[in-house]
C-alpha atoms as a PDB file:
ATOM      1  CA  UNK A   1      92.414  71.418 129.345  1.00  0.00           C
ATOM      2  CA  UNK A   2      94.999  72.629 126.267  1.00  0.00           C
ATOM      3  CA  UNK A   3      93.826  69.834 124.531  1.00  0.00           C
ATOM      4  CA  UNK A   4      90.159  71.085 124.775  1.00  0.00           C
ATOM      5  CA  UNK A   5      91.168  74.223 123.121  1.00  0.00           C
ATOM      6  CA  UNK A   6      92.902  71.816 120.247  1.00  0.00           C
ATOM      7  CA  UNK A   7      89.606  69.422 120.042  1.00  0.00           C
ATOM      8  CA  UNK A   8      87.477  71.139 116.682  1.00  0.00           C
ATOM      9  CA  UNK A   9      84.691  72.778 117.231  1.00  0.00           C
ATOM     10  CA  UNK A  10      81.670  70.541 116.252  1.00  0.00           C
ATOM     11  CA  UNK A  11      83.007  67.560 118.480  1.00  0.00           C
ATOM     12  CA  UNK A  12      82.860  70.500 121.707  1.00  0.00           C
ATOM     13  CA  UNK A  13      78.835  71.362 120.608  1.00  0.00           C
ATOM     14  CA  UNK A  14      78.402  67.856 119.798  1.00  0.00           C
ATOM     15  CA  UNK A  15      79.362  66.775 123.816  1.00  0.00           C
ATOM     16  CA  UNK A  16      77.804  70.561 125.012  1.00  0.00           C
ATOM     17  CA  UNK A  17      74.485  69.571 123.499  1.00  0.00           C
ATOM     18  CA  UNK A  18      74.878  66.046 124.148  1.00  0.00           C
ATOM     19  CA  UNK A  19      75.501  67.005 128.561  1.00  0.00           C
ATOM     20  CA  UNK A  20      72.157  69.758 127.480  1.00  0.00           C
ATOM     21  CA  UNK A  21      69.936  66.482 126.912  1.00  0.00           C
ATOM     22  CA  UNK A  22      71.212  64.804 129.872  1.00  0.00           C
ATOM     23  CA  UNK A  23      70.497  67.959 131.846  1.00  0.00           C
ATOM     24  CA  UNK A  24      66.760  67.960 130.276  1.00  0.00           C
ATOM     25  CA  UNK A  25      65.722  64.744 130.887  1.00  0.00           C
ATOM     26  CA  UNK A  26      67.269  65.086 134.628  1.00  0.00           C
ATOM     27  CA  UNK A  27      65.449  68.135 135.988  1.00  0.00           C
ATOM     28  CA  UNK A  28      61.953  66.916 133.810  1.00  0.00           C
ATOM     29  CA  UNK A  29      60.205  66.203 137.500  1.00  0.00           C
ATOM     30  CA  UNK A  30      61.718  68.922 139.576  1.00  0.00           C
ATOM     31  CA  UNK A  31      60.503  71.401 136.042  1.00  0.00           C
ATOM     32  CA  UNK A  32      56.964  69.917 136.565  1.00  0.00           C
ATOM     33  CA  UNK A  33      56.158  70.486 140.440  1.00  0.00           C
ATOM     34  CA  UNK A  34      57.688  73.898 140.301  1.00  0.00           C
ATOM     35  CA  UNK A  35      55.575  74.607 137.469  1.00  0.00           C
ATOM     36  CA  UNK A  36      52.338  72.657 139.983  1.00  0.00           C
ATOM     37  CA  UNK A  37      54.019  75.459 142.554  1.00  0.00           C
ATOM     38  CA  UNK A  38      53.914  78.379 140.230  1.00  0.00           C
ATOM     39  CA  UNK A  39      50.228  78.075 138.893  1.00  0.00           C
ATOM     40  CA  UNK A  40      49.584  77.605 142.589  1.00  0.00           C
ATOM     41  CA  UNK A  41      50.853  81.417 143.510  1.00  0.00           C
ATOM     42  CA  UNK A  42      49.428  82.208 140.236  1.00  0.00           C
ATOM     43  CA  UNK A  43      45.880  81.426 141.461  1.00  0.00           C
ATOM     44  CA  UNK A  44      46.253  82.656 145.087  1.00  0.00           C
ATOM     45  CA  UNK A  45      47.825  85.973 143.939  1.00  0.00           C
ATOM     46  CA  UNK A  46      45.970  86.872 140.984  1.00  0.00           C
ATOM     47  CA  UNK A  47      43.401  89.248 142.599  1.00  0.00           C
ATOM     48  CA  UNK A  48      46.062  91.056 144.097  1.00  0.00           C
ATOM     49  CA  UNK A  49      48.406  91.249 141.326  1.00  0.00           C
ATOM     50  CA  UNK A  50      45.274  92.360 139.261  1.00  0.00           C
ATOM     51  CA  UNK A  51      45.577  95.698 141.417  1.00  0.00           C
ATOM     52  CA  UNK A  52      49.387  96.348 142.037  1.00  0.00           C
ATOM     53  CA  UNK A  53      49.617  96.631 138.161  1.00  0.00           C
ATOM     54  CA  UNK A  54      46.162  99.007 137.993  1.00  0.00           C
ATOM     55  CA  UNK A  55      48.036 101.074 140.830  1.00  0.00           C
ATOM     56  CA  UNK A  56      51.345 100.072 138.974  1.00  0.00           C
ATOM     57  CA  UNK A  57      49.514 101.906 135.384  1.00  0.00           C
ATOM     58  CA  UNK A  58      48.757 105.035 136.959  1.00  0.00           C
ATOM     59  CA  UNK A  59      51.713 105.478 139.231  1.00  0.00           C
ATOM     60  CA  UNK A  60      53.781 105.132 136.105  1.00  0.00           C
ATOM     61  CA  UNK A  61      52.931 108.947 134.618  1.00  0.00           C
ATOM     62  CA  UNK A  62      53.514 110.612 137.650  1.00  0.00           C
ATOM     63  CA  UNK A  63      56.791 108.997 138.153  1.00  0.00           C
ATOM     64  CA  UNK A  64      58.023 109.865 135.212  1.00  0.00           C
ATOM     65  CA  UNK A  65      56.785 113.312 135.292  1.00  0.00           C
ATOM     66  CA  UNK A  66      58.036 114.430 138.824  1.00  0.00           C
ATOM     67  CA  UNK A  67      61.646 112.477 137.103  1.00  0.00           C
ATOM     68  CA  UNK A  68      62.570 111.715 140.418  1.00  0.00           C
ATOM     69  CA  UNK A  69      62.312 107.927 142.501  1.00  0.00           C
ATOM     70  CA  UNK A  70      59.923 107.861 145.010  1.00  0.00           C
ATOM     71  CA  UNK A  71      60.965 105.200 148.004  1.00  0.00           C
ATOM     72  CA  UNK A  72      58.034 104.340 150.794  1.00  0.00           C
ATOM     73  CA  UNK A  73      57.830 101.040 152.765  1.00  0.00           C
ATOM     74  CA  UNK A  74      57.576  97.913 150.839  1.00  0.00           C
ATOM     75  CA  UNK A  75      58.048  99.690 147.859  1.00  0.00           C
ATOM     76  CA  UNK A  76      60.886 101.636 145.981  1.00  0.00           C
ATOM     77  CA  UNK A  77      59.315 103.407 142.249  1.00  0.00           C
ATOM     78  CA  UNK A  78      62.934 103.803 140.436  1.00  0.00           C
ATOM     79  CA  UNK A  79      62.699 106.621 138.369  1.00  0.00           C
ATOM     80  CA  UNK A  80      65.480 105.419 135.019  1.00  0.00           C
ATOM     81  CA  UNK A  81      66.475 108.405 132.610  1.00  0.00           C
ATOM     82  CA  UNK A  82      67.454 106.492 129.400  1.00  0.00           C
ATOM     83  CA  UNK A  83      68.231 107.620 126.120  1.00  0.00           C
ATOM     84  CA  UNK A  84      67.210 106.476 122.673  1.00  0.00           C
ATOM     85  CA  UNK A  85      69.177 106.622 119.908  1.00  0.00           C
ATOM     86  CA  UNK A  86      68.217 105.983 115.970  1.00  0.00           C
ATOM     87  CA  UNK A  87      71.109 103.218 115.146  1.00  0.00           C
ATOM     88  CA  UNK A  88      70.109 103.676 111.327  1.00  0.00           C
ATOM     89  CA  UNK A  89      69.820 107.397 111.531  1.00  0.00           C
ATOM     90  CA  UNK A  90      73.750 107.358 113.234  1.00  0.00           C
ATOM     91  CA  UNK A  91      74.979 104.735 110.493  1.00  0.00           C
ATOM     92  CA  UNK A  92      73.739 106.875 107.827  1.00  0.00           C
ATOM     93  CA  UNK A  93      75.542 109.819 109.525  1.00  0.00           C
ATOM     94  CA  UNK A  94      78.475 107.676 109.865  1.00  0.00           C
ATOM     95  CA  UNK A  95      78.797 106.825 106.380  1.00  0.00           C
ATOM     96  CA  UNK A  96      79.449 110.893 105.658  1.00  0.00           C
ATOM     97  CA  UNK A  97      81.479 111.842 109.231  1.00  0.00           C
ATOM     98  CA  UNK A  98      83.784 108.936 110.055  1.00  0.00           C
ATOM     99  CA  UNK A  99      84.598 110.083 113.292  1.00  0.00           C
ATOM    100  CA  UNK A 100      80.816 109.642 114.860  1.00  0.00           C
ATOM    101  CA  UNK A 101      81.967 105.271 114.124  1.00  0.00           C
ATOM    102  CA  UNK A 102      84.941 106.002 116.528  1.00  0.00           C
ATOM    103  CA  UNK A 103      82.188 105.750 119.783  1.00  0.00           C
ATOM    104  CA  UNK A 104      80.662 102.563 118.105  1.00  0.00           C
ATOM    105  CA  UNK A 105      81.722  99.593 119.938  1.00  0.00           C
ATOM    106  CA  UNK A 106      81.286  95.084 119.303  1.00  0.00           C
ATOM    107  CA  UNK A 107      79.345  93.722 122.189  1.00  0.00           C
ATOM    108  CA  UNK A 108      79.059  90.599 120.570  1.00  0.00           C
ATOM    109  CA  UNK A 109      78.511  87.291 123.343  1.00  0.00           C
ATOM    110  CA  UNK A 110      77.953  83.851 123.440  1.00  0.00           C
ATOM    111  CA  UNK A 111      74.557  82.902 125.160  1.00  0.00           C
ATOM    112  CA  UNK A 112      74.156  79.211 125.325  1.00  0.00           C
ATOM    113  CA  UNK A 113      70.455  77.902 125.579  1.00  0.00           C
ATOM    114  CA  UNK A 114      68.702  74.488 126.076  1.00  0.00           C
ATOM    115  CA  UNK A 115      66.409  73.940 123.720  1.00  0.00           C
ATOM    116  CA  UNK A 116      64.143  70.844 123.799  1.00  0.00           C
ATOM    117  CA  UNK A 117      65.775  69.348 120.538  1.00  0.00           C
END
């Protein structure tokens, strides 16, 4: 495995891309079957889904007002409190008060997505 870490990045990416291409070719017939089943499911549940979405629209503001999660059989409406910060304003403040940057952490990560090409 140590040898692989010494290989050039472009070589590793090319190999990964080829494996991704092979994977995509292999899953095509399965994906077609899955799509057909999903369409059948959506057709069968369309009326229920519409009714549920309508009720969720009515319930959501009531849960937000109650500021509490509510559990009933087959459903839990979960209240989640979250803060929302304006990044641009915070970084402007950080220019004047550099100590603000001590609260900042780099959360970079790598994500792989399979593409058609």
